[in-house]
Structures are given as C-alpha cells and as structure tokens.
PDB file of N, CA and C in Angstrom:
ATOM      1  N   MET A   1       0.851  -1.172   0.000  1.00  0.00           N
ATOM      2  CA  MET A   1       0.000   0.000   0.000  1.00  0.00           C
ATOM      3  C   MET A   1       0.902   1.243   0.000  1.00  0.00           C
ATOM      4  N   THR A   2       0.579   2.208  -0.855  1.00  0.00           N
ATOM      5  CA  THR A   2       1.389   3.424  -0.920  1.00  0.00           C
ATOM      6  C   THR A   2       1.101   4.332   0.274  1.00  0.00           C
ATOM      7  N   ASP A   3       2.030   5.234   0.529  1.00  0.00           N
ATOM      8  CA  ASP A   3       1.830   6.191   1.621  1.00  0.00           C
ATOM      9  C   ASP A   3       0.596   7.050   1.373  1.00  0.00           C
ATOM     10  N   LEU A   4       0.376   7.456   0.110  1.00  0.00           N
ATOM     11  CA  LEU A   4      -0.785   8.292  -0.197  1.00  0.00           C
ATOM     12  C   LEU A   4      -2.088   7.517  -0.040  1.00  0.00           C
ATOM     13  N   LEU A   5      -2.082   6.246  -0.414  1.00  0.00           N
ATOM     14  CA  LEU A   5      -3.280   5.429  -0.232  1.00  0.00           C
ATOM     15  C   LEU A   5      -3.616   5.336   1.255  1.00  0.00           C
ATOM     16  N   THR A   6      -2.609   5.075   2.074  1.00  0.00           N
ATOM     17  CA  THR A   6      -2.797   4.993   3.524  1.00  0.00           C
ATOM     18  C   THR A   6      -3.273   6.325   4.098  1.00  0.00           C
ATOM     19  N   GLU A   7      -2.672   7.411   3.646  1.00  0.00           N
ATOM     20  CA  GLU A   7      -3.085   8.737   4.122  1.00  0.00           C
ATOM     21  C   GLU A   7      -4.548   9.005   3.773  1.00  0.00           C
ATOM     22  N   GLY A   8      -4.945   8.638   2.552  1.00  0.00           N
ATOM     23  CA  GLY A   8      -6.335   8.819   2.135  1.00  0.00           C
ATOM     24  C   GLY A   8      -7.298   8.013   2.990  1.00  0.00           C
ATOM     25  N   VAL A   9      -6.922   6.786   3.316  1.00  0.00           N
ATOM     26  CA  VAL A   9      -7.770   5.946   4.173  1.00  0.00           C
ATOM     27  C   VAL A   9      -7.912   6.589   5.551  1.00  0.00           C
ATOM     28  N   ASP A  10      -6.817   7.073   6.106  1.00  0.00           N
ATOM     29  CA  ASP A  10      -6.883   7.728   7.418  1.00  0.00           C
ATOM     30  C   ASP A  10      -7.801   8.951   7.380  1.00  0.00           C
ATOM     31  N   LEU A  11      -7.693   9.742   6.326  1.00  0.00           N
ATOM     32  CA  LEU A  11      -8.557  10.917   6.187  1.00  0.00           C
ATOM     33  C   LEU A  11     -10.019  10.500   6.057  1.00  0.00           C
ATOM     34  N   PHE A  12     -10.281   9.513   5.213  1.00  0.00           N
ATOM     35  CA  PHE A  12     -11.645   9.011   5.019  1.00  0.00           C
ATOM     36  C   PHE A  12     -12.223   8.527   6.342  1.00  0.00           C
ATOM     37  N   ASN A  13     -11.448   7.720   7.060  1.00  0.00           N
ATOM     38  CA  ASN A  13     -11.931   7.143   8.319  1.00  0.00           C
ATOM     39  C   ASN A  13     -12.160   8.193   9.409  1.00  0.00           C
ATOM     40  N   ASN A  14     -11.619   9.382   9.200  1.00  0.00           N
ATOM     41  CA  ASN A  14     -11.834  10.482  10.138  1.00  0.00           C
ATOM     42  C   ASN A  14     -12.831  11.509   9.602  1.00  0.00           C
ATOM     43  N   GLY A  15     -13.588  11.113   8.568  1.00  0.00           N
ATOM     44  CA  GLY A  15     -14.648  11.970   8.053  1.00  0.00           C
ATOM     45  C   GLY A  15     -14.189  13.109   7.174  1.00  0.00           C
ATOM     46  N   ARG A  16     -12.955  13.075   6.751  1.00  0.00           N
ATOM     47  CA  ARG A  16     -12.410  14.137   5.897  1.00  0.00           C
ATOM     48  C   ARG A  16     -12.443  13.654   4.445  1.00  0.00           C
ATOM     49  N   TYR A  17     -13.657  13.567   3.926  1.00  0.00           N
ATOM     50  CA  TYR A  17     -13.893  12.931   2.629  1.00  0.00           C
ATOM     51  C   TYR A  17     -13.290  13.712   1.468  1.00  0.00           C
ATOM     52  N   TRP A  18     -13.390  15.028   1.489  1.00  0.00           N
ATOM     53  CA  TRP A  18     -12.804  15.819   0.404  1.00  0.00           C
ATOM     54  C   TRP A  18     -11.282  15.661   0.400  1.00  0.00           C
ATOM     55  N   ASP A  19     -10.674  15.720   1.578  1.00  0.00           N
ATOM     56  CA  ASP A  19      -9.223  15.578   1.668  1.00  0.00           C
ATOM     57  C   ASP A  19      -8.775  14.194   1.209  1.00  0.00           C
ATOM     58  N   ALA A  20      -9.530  13.160   1.568  1.00  0.00           N
ATOM     59  CA  ALA A  20      -9.205  11.799   1.112  1.00  0.00           C
ATOM     60  C   ALA A  20      -9.245  11.739  -0.405  1.00  0.00           C
ATOM     61  N   HIS A  21     -10.279  12.309  -0.984  1.00  0.00           N
ATOM     62  CA  HIS A  21     -10.438  12.361  -2.439  1.00  0.00           C
ATOM     63  C   HIS A  21      -9.215  13.012  -3.091  1.00  0.00           C
ATOM     64  N   GLU A  22      -8.777  14.137  -2.536  1.00  0.00           N
ATOM     65  CA  GLU A  22      -7.632  14.860  -3.098  1.00  0.00           C
ATOM     66  C   GLU A  22      -6.349  14.027  -3.023  1.00  0.00           C
ATOM     67  N   VAL A  23      -6.122  13.375  -1.896  1.00  0.00           N
ATOM     68  CA  VAL A  23      -4.915  12.558  -1.721  1.00  0.00           C
ATOM     69  C   VAL A  23      -4.940  11.370  -2.677  1.00  0.00           C
ATOM     70  N   TRP A  24      -6.091  10.695  -2.786  1.00  0.00           N
ATOM     71  CA  TRP A  24      -6.177   9.548  -3.695  1.00  0.00           C
ATOM     72  C   TRP A  24      -5.986   9.973  -5.142  1.00  0.00           C
ATOM     73  N   GLU A  25      -6.461  11.150  -5.513  1.00  0.00           N
ATOM     74  CA  GLU A  25      -6.238  11.628  -6.882  1.00  0.00           C
ATOM     75  C   GLU A  25      -4.753  11.808  -7.153  1.00  0.00           C
ATOM     76  N   ARG A  26      -4.009  12.320  -6.176  1.00  0.00           N
ATOM     77  CA  ARG A  26      -2.555  12.481  -6.351  1.00  0.00           C
ATOM     78  C   ARG A  26      -1.878  11.127  -6.534  1.00  0.00           C
ATOM     79  N   ASP A  27      -2.358  10.107  -5.839  1.00  0.00           N
ATOM     80  CA  ASP A  27      -1.774   8.767  -5.952  1.00  0.00           C
ATOM     81  C   ASP A  27      -2.120   8.130  -7.295  1.00  0.00           C
ATOM     82  N   TRP A  28      -3.312   8.403  -7.779  1.00  0.00           N
ATOM     83  CA  TRP A  28      -3.834   7.780  -8.994  1.00  0.00           C
ATOM     84  C   TRP A  28      -3.340   8.466 -10.265  1.00  0.00           C
ATOM     85  N   THR A  29      -3.136   9.776 -10.234  1.00  0.00           N
ATOM     86  CA  THR A  29      -2.834  10.563 -11.426  1.00  0.00           C
ATOM     87  C   THR A  29      -1.668  10.025 -12.251  1.00  0.00           C
ATOM     88  N   PRO A  30      -0.560   9.597 -11.665  1.00  0.00           N
ATOM     89  CA  PRO A  30       0.544   9.121 -12.507  1.00  0.00           C
ATOM     90  C   PRO A  30       0.201   7.889 -13.355  1.00  0.00           C
ATOM     91  N   ASP A  31      -0.823   7.139 -12.987  1.00  0.00           N
ATOM     92  CA  ASP A  31      -1.152   5.902 -13.706  1.00  0.00           C
ATOM     93  C   ASP A  31      -2.660   5.801 -13.942  1.00  0.00           C
ATOM     94  N   ARG A  32      -3.258   6.850 -14.479  1.00  0.00           N
ATOM     95  CA  ARG A  32      -4.716   6.896 -14.664  1.00  0.00           C
ATOM     96  C   ARG A  32      -5.265   5.781 -15.541  1.00  0.00           C
ATOM     97  N   LYS A  33      -4.471   5.252 -16.432  1.00  0.00           N
ATOM     98  CA  LYS A  33      -4.944   4.198 -17.338  1.00  0.00           C
ATOM     99  C   LYS A  33      -4.518   2.802 -16.874  1.00  0.00           C
ATOM    100  N   GLY A  34      -3.882   2.719 -15.719  1.00  0.00           N
ATOM    101  CA  GLY A  34      -3.360   1.452 -15.228  1.00  0.00           C
ATOM    102  C   GLY A  34      -4.432   0.534 -14.666  1.00  0.00           C
ATOM    103  N   PRO A  35      -4.012  -0.649 -14.210  1.00  0.00           N
ATOM    104  CA  PRO A  35      -4.962  -1.654 -13.726  1.00  0.00           C
ATOM    105  C   PRO A  35      -5.699  -1.254 -12.443  1.00  0.00           C
ATOM    106  N   ASP A  36      -5.203  -0.254 -11.733  1.00  0.00           N
ATOM    107  CA  ASP A  36      -5.867   0.189 -10.505  1.00  0.00           C
ATOM    108  C   ASP A  36      -6.764   1.402 -10.723  1.00  0.00           C
ATOM    109  N   SER A  37      -6.972   1.763 -11.965  1.00  0.00           N
ATOM    110  CA  SER A  37      -7.771   2.948 -12.270  1.00  0.00           C
ATOM    111  C   SER A  37      -9.171   2.867 -11.658  1.00  0.00           C
ATOM    112  N   GLY A  38      -9.856   1.750 -11.857  1.00  0.00           N
ATOM    113  CA  GLY A  38     -11.202   1.581 -11.304  1.00  0.00           C
ATOM    114  C   GLY A  38     -11.211   1.568  -9.785  1.00  0.00           C
ATOM    115  N   PHE A  39     -10.168   1.019  -9.203  1.00  0.00           N
ATOM    116  CA  PHE A  39     -10.029   0.983  -7.746  1.00  0.00           C
ATOM    117  C   PHE A  39     -10.007   2.401  -7.178  1.00  0.00           C
ATOM    118  N   TYR A  40      -9.153   3.240  -7.742  1.00  0.00           N
ATOM    119  CA  TYR A  40      -9.078   4.620  -7.268  1.00  0.00           C
ATOM    120  C   TYR A  40     -10.357   5.390  -7.576  1.00  0.00           C
ATOM    121  N   LYS A  41     -10.910   5.204  -8.761  1.00  0.00           N
ATOM    122  CA  LYS A  41     -12.176   5.867  -9.092  1.00  0.00           C
ATOM    123  C   LYS A  41     -13.247   5.486  -8.072  1.00  0.00           C
ATOM    124  N   GLY A  42     -13.287   4.210  -7.710  1.00  0.00           N
ATOM    125  CA  GLY A  42     -14.278   3.748  -6.747  1.00  0.00           C
ATOM    126  C   GLY A  42     -14.111   4.389  -5.386  1.00  0.00           C
ATOM    127  N   LEU A  43     -12.878   4.420  -4.878  1.00  0.00           N
ATOM    128  CA  LEU A  43     -12.636   5.050  -3.578  1.00  0.00           C
ATOM    129  C   LEU A  43     -13.027   6.527  -3.607  1.00  0.00           C
ATOM    130  N   ILE A  44     -12.629   7.208  -4.669  1.00  0.00           N
ATOM    131  CA  ILE A  44     -12.912   8.638  -4.801  1.00  0.00           C
ATOM    132  C   ILE A  44     -14.412   8.886  -4.868  1.00  0.00           C
ATOM    133  N   GLN A  45     -15.127   8.054  -5.623  1.00  0.00           N
ATOM    134  CA  GLN A  45     -16.574   8.229  -5.753  1.00  0.00           C
ATOM    135  C   GLN A  45     -17.296   7.941  -4.430  1.00  0.00           C
ATOM    136  N   VAL A  46     -16.878   6.917  -3.719  1.00  0.00           N
ATOM    137  CA  VAL A  46     -17.501   6.623  -2.420  1.00  0.00           C
ATOM    138  C   VAL A  46     -17.254   7.782  -1.450  1.00  0.00           C
ATOM    139  N   ALA A  47     -16.031   8.312  -1.443  1.00  0.00           N
ATOM    140  CA  ALA A  47     -15.742   9.466  -0.585  1.00  0.00           C
ATOM    141  C   ALA A  47     -16.622  10.655  -0.963  1.00  0.00           C
ATOM    142  N   ALA A  48     -16.789  10.881  -2.254  1.00  0.00           N
ATOM    143  CA  ALA A  48     -17.643  11.985  -2.709  1.00  0.00           C
ATOM    144  C   ALA A  48     -19.090  11.759  -2.270  1.00  0.00           C
ATOM    145  N   GLY A  49     -19.550  10.515  -2.332  1.00  0.00           N
ATOM    146  CA  GLY A  49     -20.901  10.204  -1.869  1.00  0.00           C
ATOM    147  C   GLY A  49     -21.074  10.503  -0.392  1.00  0.00           C
ATOM    148  N   CYS A  50     -20.066  10.175   0.400  1.00  0.00           N
ATOM    149  CA  CYS A  50     -20.132  10.467   1.837  1.00  0.00           C
ATOM    150  C   CYS A  50     -20.181  11.975   2.077  1.00  0.00           C
ATOM    151  N   LEU A  51     -19.396  12.721   1.316  1.00  0.00           N
ATOM    152  CA  LEU A  51     -19.423  14.175   1.447  1.00  0.00           C
ATOM    153  C   LEU A  51     -20.807  14.723   1.092  1.00  0.00           C
ATOM    154  N   HIS A  52     -21.379  14.240   0.005  1.00  0.00           N
ATOM    155  CA  HIS A  52     -22.726  14.674  -0.379  1.00  0.00           C
ATOM    156  C   HIS A  52     -23.743  14.331   0.713  1.00  0.00           C
ATOM    157  N   TYR A  53     -23.606  13.155   1.301  1.00  0.00           N
ATOM    158  CA  TYR A  53     -24.532  12.769   2.374  1.00  0.00           C
ATOM    159  C   TYR A  53     -24.448  13.761   3.539  1.00  0.00           C
ATOM    160  N   THR A  54     -23.230  14.121   3.941  1.00  0.00           N
ATOM    161  CA  THR A  54     -23.080  15.049   5.071  1.00  0.00           C
ATOM    162  C   THR A  54     -23.659  16.419   4.758  1.00  0.00           C
ATOM    163  N   ARG A  55     -23.825  16.720   3.482  1.00  0.00           N
ATOM    164  CA  ARG A  55     -24.407  18.008   3.061  1.00  0.00           C
ATOM    165  C   ARG A  55     -25.892  17.878   2.717  1.00  0.00           C
ATOM    166  N   HIS A  56     -26.452  16.728   3.022  1.00  0.00           N
ATOM    167  CA  HIS A  56     -27.876  16.433   2.761  1.00  0.00           C
ATOM    168  C   HIS A  56     -28.228  16.552   1.284  1.00  0.00           C
ATOM    169  N   ASN A  57     -27.321  16.122   0.434  1.00  0.00           N
ATOM    170  CA  ASN A  57     -27.550  16.111  -1.005  1.00  0.00           C
ATOM    171  C   ASN A  57     -27.839  14.667  -1.413  1.00  0.00           C
ATOM    172  N   ARG A  58     -29.105  14.304  -1.381  1.00  0.00           N
ATOM    173  CA  ARG A  58     -29.515  12.922  -1.652  1.00  0.00           C
ATOM    174  C   ARG A  58     -29.059  12.466  -3.039  1.00  0.00           C
ATOM    175  N   ARG A  59     -29.374  13.249  -4.046  1.00  0.00           N
ATOM    176  CA  ARG A  59     -29.047  12.854  -5.420  1.00  0.00           C
ATOM    177  C   ARG A  59     -27.541  12.661  -5.604  1.00  0.00           C
ATOM    178  N   GLY A  60     -26.750  13.602  -5.085  1.00  0.00           N
ATOM    179  CA  GLY A  60     -25.299  13.489  -5.195  1.00  0.00           C
ATOM    180  C   GLY A  60     -24.766  12.259  -4.482  1.00  0.00           C
ATOM    181  N   ALA A  61     -25.261  12.008  -3.271  1.00  0.00           N
ATOM    182  CA  ALA A  61     -24.807  10.843  -2.509  1.00  0.00           C
ATOM    183  C   ALA A  61     -25.138   9.554  -3.245  1.00  0.00           C
ATOM    184  N   VAL A  62     -26.366   9.434  -3.693  1.00  0.00           N
ATOM    185  CA  VAL A  62     -26.789   8.206  -4.378  1.00  0.00           C
ATOM    186  C   VAL A  62     -25.979   7.991  -5.649  1.00  0.00           C
ATOM    187  N   ASN A  63     -25.832   9.024  -6.453  1.00  0.00           N
ATOM    188  CA  ASN A  63     -25.096   8.873  -7.714  1.00  0.00           C
ATOM    189  C   ASN A  63     -23.646   8.480  -7.485  1.00  0.00           C
ATOM    190  N   LYS A  64     -22.987   9.130  -6.546  1.00  0.00           N
ATOM    191  CA  LYS A  64     -21.568   8.831  -6.294  1.00  0.00           C
ATOM    192  C   LYS A  64     -21.398   7.465  -5.638  1.00  0.00           C
ATOM    193  N   TRP A  65     -22.272   7.139  -4.681  1.00  0.00           N
ATOM    194  CA  TRP A  65     -22.161   5.817  -4.054  1.00  0.00           C
ATOM    195  C   TRP A  65     -22.403   4.706  -5.069  1.00  0.00           C
ATOM    196  N   ARG A  66     -23.377   4.888  -5.934  1.00  0.00           N
ATOM    197  CA  ARG A  66     -23.673   3.852  -6.929  1.00  0.00           C
ATOM    198  C   ARG A  66     -22.481   3.650  -7.874  1.00  0.00           C
ATOM    199  N   SER A  67     -21.954   4.742  -8.407  1.00  0.00           N
ATOM    200  CA  SER A  67     -20.824   4.601  -9.331  1.00  0.00           C
ATOM    201  C   SER A  67     -19.586   4.086  -8.599  1.00  0.00           C
ATOM    202  N   GLY A  68     -19.386   4.544  -7.368  1.00  0.00           N
ATOM    203  CA  GLY A  68     -18.224   4.094  -6.605  1.00  0.00           C
ATOM    204  C   GLY A  68     -18.233   2.601  -6.343  1.00  0.00           C
ATOM    205  N   THR A  69     -19.379   2.075  -5.928  1.00  0.00           N
ATOM    206  CA  THR A  69     -19.446   0.633  -5.670  1.00  0.00           C
ATOM    207  C   THR A  69     -19.322  -0.161  -6.967  1.00  0.00           C
ATOM    208  N   ASP A  70     -19.852   0.374  -8.058  1.00  0.00           N
ATOM    209  CA  ASP A  70     -19.691  -0.309  -9.349  1.00  0.00           C
ATOM    210  C   ASP A  70     -18.217  -0.406  -9.734  1.00  0.00           C
ATOM    211  N   TYR A  71     -17.460   0.657  -9.500  1.00  0.00           N
ATOM    212  CA  TYR A  71     -16.024   0.621  -9.793  1.00  0.00           C
ATOM    213  C   TYR A  71     -15.281  -0.346  -8.872  1.00  0.00           C
ATOM    214  N   LEU A  72     -15.700  -0.454  -7.618  1.00  0.00           N
ATOM    215  CA  LEU A  72     -14.972  -1.284  -6.651  1.00  0.00           C
ATOM    216  C   LEU A  72     -15.275  -2.777  -6.759  1.00  0.00           C
ATOM    217  N   ARG A  73     -16.438  -3.148  -7.267  1.00  0.00           N
ATOM    218  CA  ARG A  73     -16.825  -4.570  -7.288  1.00  0.00           C
ATOM    219  C   ARG A  73     -15.785  -5.498  -7.930  1.00  0.00           C
ATOM    220  N   PRO A  74     -15.150  -5.124  -9.030  1.00  0.00           N
ATOM    221  CA  PRO A  74     -14.156  -6.041  -9.606  1.00  0.00           C
ATOM    222  C   PRO A  74     -12.943  -6.294  -8.704  1.00  0.00           C
ATOM    223  N   TYR A  75     -12.756  -5.466  -7.696  1.00  0.00           N
ATOM    224  CA  TYR A  75     -11.592  -5.593  -6.813  1.00  0.00           C
ATOM    225  C   TYR A  75     -11.912  -6.306  -5.500  1.00  0.00           C
ATOM    226  N   LEU A  76     -13.158  -6.761  -5.345  1.00  0.00           N
ATOM    227  CA  LEU A  76     -13.564  -7.451  -4.121  1.00  0.00           C
ATOM    228  C   LEU A  76     -12.891  -8.811  -4.016  1.00  0.00           C
ATOM    229  N   PRO A  77     -12.648  -9.340  -2.840  1.00  0.00           N
ATOM    230  CA  PRO A  77     -13.057  -8.811  -1.540  1.00  0.00           C
ATOM    231  C   PRO A  77     -12.078  -7.776  -0.966  1.00  0.00           C
ATOM    232  N   SER A  78     -10.821  -7.818  -1.428  1.00  0.00           N
ATOM    233  CA  SER A  78      -9.841  -6.852  -0.933  1.00  0.00           C
ATOM    234  C   SER A  78      -8.867  -6.536  -2.061  1.00  0.00           C
ATOM    235  N   HIS A  79      -8.234  -5.405  -1.933  1.00  0.00           N
ATOM    236  CA  HIS A  79      -7.272  -4.993  -2.951  1.00  0.00           C
ATOM    237  C   HIS A  79      -6.297  -4.007  -2.320  1.00  0.00           C
ATOM    238  N   ARG A  80      -5.028  -4.190  -2.629  1.00  0.00           N
ATOM    239  CA  ARG A  80      -3.957  -3.314  -2.150  1.00  0.00           C
ATOM    240  C   ARG A  80      -4.018  -3.100  -0.640  1.00  0.00           C
ATOM    241  N   GLY A  81      -4.362  -4.160   0.069  1.00  0.00           N
ATOM    242  CA  GLY A  81      -4.363  -4.120   1.529  1.00  0.00           C
ATOM    243  C   GLY A  81      -5.615  -3.548   2.165  1.00  0.00           C
ATOM    244  N   LEU A  82      -6.634  -3.241   1.354  1.00  0.00           N
ATOM    245  CA  LEU A  82      -7.874  -2.687   1.892  1.00  0.00           C
ATOM    246  C   LEU A  82      -9.008  -3.693   1.792  1.00  0.00           C
ATOM    247  N   ARG A  83      -9.809  -3.767   2.837  1.00  0.00           N
ATOM    248  CA  ARG A  83     -10.982  -4.648   2.868  1.00  0.00           C
ATOM    249  C   ARG A  83     -12.140  -3.919   2.187  1.00  0.00           C
ATOM    250  N   LEU A  84     -12.390  -4.254   0.939  1.00  0.00           N
ATOM    251  CA  LEU A  84     -13.402  -3.555   0.156  1.00  0.00           C
ATOM    252  C   LEU A  84     -14.794  -4.155   0.294  1.00  0.00           C
ATOM    253  N   ALA A  85     -14.889  -5.458   0.524  1.00  0.00           N
ATOM    254  CA  ALA A  85     -16.207  -6.106   0.594  1.00  0.00           C
ATOM    255  C   ALA A  85     -17.095  -5.480   1.673  1.00  0.00           C
ATOM    256  N   PRO A  86     -16.596  -5.251   2.895  1.00  0.00           N
ATOM    257  CA  PRO A  86     -17.458  -4.625   3.903  1.00  0.00           C
ATOM    258  C   PRO A  86     -17.865  -3.193   3.525  1.00  0.00           C
ATOM    259  N   LEU A  87     -16.971  -2.473   2.885  1.00  0.00           N
ATOM    260  CA  LEU A  87     -17.280  -1.111   2.454  1.00  0.00           C
ATOM    261  C   LEU A  87     -18.397  -1.120   1.419  1.00  0.00           C
ATOM    262  N   VAL A  88     -18.276  -1.976   0.419  1.00  0.00           N
ATOM    263  CA  VAL A  88     -19.288  -2.046  -0.639  1.00  0.00           C
ATOM    264  C   VAL A  88     -20.632  -2.500  -0.060  1.00  0.00           C
ATOM    265  N   ALA A  89     -20.611  -3.487   0.823  1.00  0.00           N
ATOM    266  CA  ALA A  89     -21.859  -3.960   1.438  1.00  0.00           C
ATOM    267  C   ALA A  89     -22.525  -2.840   2.235  1.00  0.00           C
ATOM    268  N   ARG A  90     -21.741  -2.084   2.953  1.00  0.00           N
ATOM    269  CA  ARG A  90     -22.286  -0.980   3.755  1.00  0.00           C
ATOM    270  C   ARG A  90     -22.907   0.080   2.865  1.00  0.00           C
ATOM    271  N   VAL A  91     -22.205   0.440   1.794  1.00  0.00           N
ATOM    272  CA  VAL A  91     -22.724   1.464   0.887  1.00  0.00           C
ATOM    273  C   VAL A  91     -23.959   0.948   0.152  1.00  0.00           C
ATOM    274  N   ASP A  92     -23.993  -0.333  -0.184  1.00  0.00           N
ATOM    275  CA  ASP A  92     -25.208  -0.905  -0.782  1.00  0.00           C
ATOM    276  C   ASP A  92     -26.404  -0.714   0.156  1.00  0.00           C
ATOM    277  N   GLY A  93     -26.182  -0.891   1.452  1.00  0.00           N
ATOM    278  CA  GLY A  93     -27.237  -0.652   2.432  1.00  0.00           C
ATOM    279  C   GLY A  93     -27.653   0.815   2.477  1.00  0.00           C
ATOM    280  N   PHE A  94     -26.685   1.702   2.332  1.00  0.00           N
ATOM    281  CA  PHE A  94     -26.993   3.135   2.282  1.00  0.00           C
ATOM    282  C   PHE A  94     -27.886   3.448   1.093  1.00  0.00           C
ATOM    283  N   LEU A  95     -27.570   2.843  -0.048  1.00  0.00           N
ATOM    284  CA  LEU A  95     -28.362   3.095  -1.254  1.00  0.00           C
ATOM    285  C   LEU A  95     -29.811   2.673  -1.046  1.00  0.00           C
ATOM    286  N   ALA A  96     -30.009   1.538  -0.390  1.00  0.00           N
ATOM    287  CA  ALA A  96     -31.377   1.090  -0.098  1.00  0.00           C
ATOM    288  C   ALA A  96     -32.067   2.074   0.850  1.00  0.00           C
ATOM    289  N   ALA A  97     -31.350   2.534   1.869  1.00  0.00           N
ATOM    290  CA  ALA A  97     -31.927   3.468   2.842  1.00  0.00           C
ATOM    291  C   ALA A  97     -32.285   4.806   2.201  1.00  0.00           C
ATOM    292  N   MET A  98     -31.540   5.201   1.197  1.00  0.00           N
ATOM    293  CA  MET A  98     -31.794   6.487   0.544  1.00  0.00           C
ATOM    294  C   MET A  98     -33.056   6.460  -0.310  1.00  0.00           C
ATOM    295  N   ASN A  99     -33.624   5.273  -0.530  1.00  0.00           N
ATOM    296  CA  ASN A  99     -34.886   5.175  -1.276  1.00  0.00           C
ATOM    297  C   ASN A  99     -36.093   5.557  -0.429  1.00  0.00           C
ATOM    298  N   GLU A 100     -35.908   5.645   0.879  1.00  0.00           N
ATOM    299  CA  GLU A 100     -37.006   6.021   1.779  1.00  0.00           C
ATOM    300  C   GLU A 100     -37.294   7.517   1.645  1.00  0.00           C
ATOM    301  N   ASP A 101     -38.511   7.904   1.986  1.00  0.00           N
ATOM    302  CA  ASP A 101     -38.886   9.317   1.901  1.00  0.00           C
ATOM    303  C   ASP A 101     -38.134  10.181   2.910  1.00  0.00           C
ATOM    304  N   ASP A 102     -38.001   9.685   4.136  1.00  0.00           N
ATOM    305  CA  ASP A 102     -37.312  10.448   5.175  1.00  0.00           C
ATOM    306  C   ASP A 102     -35.800  10.347   4.990  1.00  0.00           C
ATOM    307  N   TRP A 103     -35.105  11.379   5.448  1.00  0.00           N
ATOM    308  CA  TRP A 103     -33.644  11.372   5.384  1.00  0.00           C
ATOM    309  C   TRP A 103     -33.123  10.331   6.373  1.00  0.00           C
ATOM    310  N   PRO A 104     -32.351   9.349   5.894  1.00  0.00           N
ATOM    311  CA  PRO A 104     -31.866   8.302   6.802  1.00  0.00           C
ATOM    312  C   PRO A 104     -30.714   8.794   7.678  1.00  0.00           C
ATOM    313  N   ASP A 105     -30.679   8.282   8.891  1.00  0.00           N
ATOM    314  CA  ASP A 105     -29.593   8.587   9.816  1.00  0.00           C
ATOM    315  C   ASP A 105     -28.548   7.489   9.664  1.00  0.00           C
ATOM    316  N   LEU A 106     -27.536   7.757   8.868  1.00  0.00           N
ATOM    317  CA  LEU A 106     -26.523   6.751   8.547  1.00  0.00           C
ATOM    318  C   LEU A 106     -25.222   7.063   9.270  1.00  0.00           C
ATOM    319  N   SER A 107     -24.558   6.020   9.708  1.00  0.00           N
ATOM    320  CA  SER A 107     -23.227   6.150  10.279  1.00  0.00           C
ATOM    321  C   SER A 107     -22.236   5.833   9.164  1.00  0.00           C
ATOM    322  N   MET A 108     -21.418   6.803   8.818  1.00  0.00           N
ATOM    323  CA  MET A 108     -20.538   6.647   7.665  1.00  0.00           C
ATOM    324  C   MET A 108     -19.563   5.482   7.850  1.00  0.00           C
ATOM    325  N   PRO A 109     -19.214   4.838   6.733  1.00  0.00           N
ATOM    326  CA  PRO A 109     -18.354   3.655   6.804  1.00  0.00           C
ATOM    327  C   PRO A 109     -16.905   4.013   7.094  1.00  0.00           C
ATOM    328  N   ARG A 110     -16.182   3.011   7.467  1.00  0.00           N
ATOM    329  CA  ARG A 110     -14.727   3.098   7.615  1.00  0.00           C
ATOM    330  C   ARG A 110     -14.129   2.061   6.676  1.00  0.00           C
ATOM    331  N   ILE A 111     -12.940   2.317   6.233  1.00  0.00           N
ATOM    332  CA  ILE A 111     -12.242   1.381   5.356  1.00  0.00           C
ATOM    333  C   ILE A 111     -11.237   0.618   6.210  1.00  0.00           C
ATOM    334  N   GLY A 112     -11.405  -0.694   6.249  1.00  0.00           N
ATOM    335  CA  GLY A 112     -10.507  -1.532   7.024  1.00  0.00           C
ATOM    336  C   GLY A 112      -9.320  -2.005   6.202  1.00  0.00           C
ATOM    337  N   GLN A 113      -8.265  -2.360   6.897  1.00  0.00           N
ATOM    338  CA  GLN A 113      -7.077  -2.893   6.241  1.00  0.00           C
ATOM    339  C   GLN A 113      -6.979  -4.384   6.501  1.00  0.00           C
ATOM    340  N   VAL A 114      -6.408  -5.073   5.541  1.00  0.00           N
ATOM    341  CA  VAL A 114      -6.240  -6.525   5.637  1.00  0.00           C
ATOM    342  C   VAL A 114      -5.127  -6.827   6.612  1.00  0.00           C
TER     343      VAL A 114
END
C-alpha cells in the first residue's frame, strides 16, 4: 500500500472525505490508465458520496455511491491491503436506505485494512 493510499484511508476514516479524495487523486494521477484505475475511481466516488450525504444532497450521494461501488466490485473482496467487501456492502445498504422518503440517519463507513 502506498503512503498516499494509507493517508487517504486515514482521512476518510476520520470523516475528511474531500481531503481523502484529493490525496487519492494524487496517488492515482501518474497511472490513470493502469490496472488500478477503477479501484481509485471507486474510492474517490464513495468518498464523494459520503461528502454529499453530510451536506444532505440525496441525489449526489446516491449517484456517487452507486458509481463508486460499481467501480470497486471487480476488486472485491480486498485490494492493495484494503478490505473492500465490507465497504461495498455498507454502501449498498446506504443506497437502499436512501430510497425512503425520510432522510436516513446513517453512520458513515470506515475502510478496514487486511
């Protein structure tokens, strides 16, 4: 796992979703077309979804969470030292909860390490 990947996970796990997104973009940029492209896109999109959720932007959260989990699925159950299966399962539950009329009270996920 790269230092930037680890830093992004720490930021994400502390609710600093925008900062995590920025750090992961720096890690991903040198190899945007490489085999980990979808992995980074997925992490970035899930972080963006969490940020949208904290701002009560239902549409933004749903769109980013959906695309993020779609990008991460090929890398399940884990990739580059991160436990992705629990993250994807949790976000899938968020997507179901967001279909309700009332705003759901969700506890944001954490990314675990293998």
